[in-house]
Amino acid sequence: MYIYPDNLKARATLWLWQLKDIGIIGVCALLSILALTQAGFFVPIVFTAVYAFLTIRFEDTSILDFIRYACAFFFVGQQFFEWRYTG
């Protein structure tokens, strides 16, 4: 008997991140370290650390997902309300 997580529909995760996020964090960390050692510019490493923090997943939701949903609800998506009287 084999037990599969979520019937093979779950995204691949490693530790607290999805594999896509770990790849992005790894590439950004390498570029940030290169910028820090060659130019003494530390801002990219701060952005990498903030991205790594925002993409931590708990129960299949991250802080970055919540911010995206909130921006879509409040700023991007159209709110449509229809009022009518049914007497």
C-alpha atoms as a PDB file:
ATOM      1  CA  MET A   1       0.000   0.000   0.000  1.00  0.00           C
ATOM      2  CA  TYR A   2       1.372   3.397  -1.029  1.00  0.00           C
ATOM      3  CA  ILE A   3       0.365   6.642   0.647  1.00  0.00           C
ATOM      4  CA  TYR A   4       0.622   9.730  -1.524  1.00  0.00           C
ATOM      5  CA  PRO A   5       0.319  13.288  -0.199  1.00  0.00           C
ATOM      6  CA  ASP A   6      -2.957  14.892  -1.337  1.00  0.00           C
ATOM      7  CA  ASN A   7      -3.418  12.375  -4.165  1.00  0.00           C
ATOM      8  CA  LEU A   8      -0.374  13.758  -5.991  1.00  0.00           C
ATOM      9  CA  LYS A   9      -2.008  17.180  -6.366  1.00  0.00           C
ATOM     10  CA  ALA A  10       0.085  18.954  -3.740  1.00  0.00           C
ATOM     11  CA  ARG A  11       2.944  21.146  -4.850  1.00  0.00           C
ATOM     12  CA  ALA A  12       6.478  20.015  -4.156  1.00  0.00           C
ATOM     13  CA  THR A  13       7.825  21.559  -0.969  1.00  0.00           C
ATOM     14  CA  LEU A  14      11.140  21.488   0.821  1.00  0.00           C
ATOM     15  CA  TRP A  15      11.260  22.616   4.447  1.00  0.00           C
ATOM     16  CA  LEU A  16       8.888  25.599   4.579  1.00  0.00           C
ATOM     17  CA  TRP A  17       9.057  26.711   0.936  1.00  0.00           C
ATOM     18  CA  GLN A  18       7.870  25.449  -2.424  1.00  0.00           C
ATOM     19  CA  LEU A  19      10.664  24.313  -4.728  1.00  0.00           C
ATOM     20  CA  LYS A  20      10.032  27.253  -7.078  1.00  0.00           C
ATOM     21  CA  ASP A  21      10.585  29.664  -4.184  1.00  0.00           C
ATOM     22  CA  ILE A  22      13.756  27.869  -3.080  1.00  0.00           C
ATOM     23  CA  GLY A  23      15.126  28.233  -6.617  1.00  0.00           C
ATOM     24  CA  ILE A  24      14.324  31.946  -6.701  1.00  0.00           C
ATOM     25  CA  ILE A  25      15.789  32.469  -3.223  1.00  0.00           C
ATOM     26  CA  GLY A  26      18.955  30.565  -4.184  1.00  0.00           C
ATOM     27  CA  VAL A  27      19.564  32.549  -7.380  1.00  0.00           C
ATOM     28  CA  CYS A  28      18.809  35.847  -5.644  1.00  0.00           C
ATOM     29  CA  ALA A  29      21.088  34.914  -2.740  1.00  0.00           C
ATOM     30  CA  LEU A  30      23.966  34.194  -5.131  1.00  0.00           C
ATOM     31  CA  LEU A  31      23.453  37.488  -6.956  1.00  0.00           C
ATOM     32  CA  SER A  32      23.110  39.330  -3.636  1.00  0.00           C
ATOM     33  CA  ILE A  33      26.336  37.861  -2.288  1.00  0.00           C
ATOM     34  CA  LEU A  34      28.073  38.768  -5.539  1.00  0.00           C
ATOM     35  CA  ALA A  35      26.799  42.354  -5.268  1.00  0.00           C
ATOM     36  CA  LEU A  36      27.864  42.514  -1.630  1.00  0.00           C
ATOM     37  CA  THR A  37      31.386  41.212  -2.205  1.00  0.00           C
ATOM     38  CA  GLN A  38      32.123  43.079  -5.440  1.00  0.00           C
ATOM     39  CA  ALA A  39      30.364  46.418  -4.918  1.00  0.00           C
ATOM     40  CA  GLY A  40      29.657  46.531  -1.197  1.00  0.00           C
ATOM     41  CA  PHE A  41      25.959  46.934  -2.047  1.00  0.00           C
ATOM     42  CA  PHE A  42      23.839  45.187   0.593  1.00  0.00           C
ATOM     43  CA  VAL A  43      20.289  46.149  -0.491  1.00  0.00           C
ATOM     44  CA  PRO A  44      19.722  43.021  -2.681  1.00  0.00           C
ATOM     45  CA  ILE A  45      20.435  40.713   0.252  1.00  0.00           C
ATOM     46  CA  VAL A  46      17.789  42.550   2.270  1.00  0.00           C
ATOM     47  CA  PHE A  47      15.232  42.072  -0.528  1.00  0.00           C
ATOM     48  CA  THR A  48      16.177  38.398  -0.751  1.00  0.00           C
ATOM     49  CA  ALA A  49      15.686  37.946   2.992  1.00  0.00           C
ATOM     50  CA  VAL A  50      12.312  39.729   2.866  1.00  0.00           C
ATOM     51  CA  TYR A  51      11.191  37.549  -0.060  1.00  0.00           C
ATOM     52  CA  ALA A  52      12.332  34.422   1.784  1.00  0.00           C
ATOM     53  CA  PHE A  53      10.339  35.481   4.852  1.00  0.00           C
ATOM     54  CA  LEU A  54       7.198  36.340   2.873  1.00  0.00           C
ATOM     55  CA  THR A  55       7.172  33.014   1.008  1.00  0.00           C
ATOM     56  CA  ILE A  56       7.310  30.754   4.086  1.00  0.00           C
ATOM     57  CA  ARG A  57       4.323  28.411   3.832  1.00  0.00           C
ATOM     58  CA  PHE A  58       2.107  27.329   6.696  1.00  0.00           C
ATOM     59  CA  GLU A  59      -0.870  25.134   5.833  1.00  0.00           C
ATOM     60  CA  ASP A  60      -0.457  25.799   2.086  1.00  0.00           C
ATOM     61  CA  THR A  61      -0.670  29.613   2.439  1.00  0.00           C
ATOM     62  CA  SER A  62       2.104  32.173   2.612  1.00  0.00           C
ATOM     63  CA  ILE A  63       2.164  35.796   3.691  1.00  0.00           C
ATOM     64  CA  LEU A  64       2.877  36.801   0.100  1.00  0.00           C
ATOM     65  CA  ASP A  65      -0.258  34.964  -1.081  1.00  0.00           C
ATOM     66  CA  PHE A  66      -2.322  36.772   1.544  1.00  0.00           C
ATOM     67  CA  ILE A  67      -0.924  40.157   0.417  1.00  0.00           C
ATOM     68  CA  ARG A  68      -1.704  39.301  -3.214  1.00  0.00           C
ATOM     69  CA  TYR A  69      -5.275  38.283  -2.357  1.00  0.00           C
ATOM     70  CA  ALA A  70      -5.803  41.430  -0.288  1.00  0.00           C
ATOM     71  CA  CYS A  71      -4.480  43.706  -3.078  1.00  0.00           C
ATOM     72  CA  ALA A  72      -6.648  41.940  -5.634  1.00  0.00           C
ATOM     73  CA  PHE A  73      -9.709  42.317  -3.423  1.00  0.00           C
ATOM     74  CA  PHE A  74      -9.205  45.949  -2.374  1.00  0.00           C
ATOM     75  CA  PHE A  75      -7.410  47.560  -5.332  1.00  0.00           C
ATOM     76  CA  VAL A  76      -7.430  45.489  -8.529  1.00  0.00           C
ATOM     77  CA  GLY A  77     -10.658  43.510  -8.591  1.00  0.00           C
ATOM     78  CA  GLN A  78     -13.932  45.237  -9.277  1.00  0.00           C
ATOM     79  CA  GLN A  79     -16.465  45.066  -6.481  1.00  0.00           C
ATOM     80  CA  PHE A  80     -19.989  44.709  -7.833  1.00  0.00           C
ATOM     81  CA  PHE A  81     -23.009  45.188  -5.633  1.00  0.00           C
ATOM     82  CA  GLU A  82     -26.564  45.040  -6.869  1.00  0.00           C
ATOM     83  CA  TRP A  83     -29.326  46.430  -4.697  1.00  0.00           C
ATOM     84  CA  ARG A  84     -32.942  45.755  -5.441  1.00  0.00           C
ATOM     85  CA  TYR A  85     -36.147  45.797  -3.552  1.00  0.00           C
ATOM     86  CA  THR A  86     -38.278  42.694  -3.649  1.00  0.00           C
ATOM     87  CA  GLY A  87     -41.589  43.504  -2.120  1.00  0.00           C
END
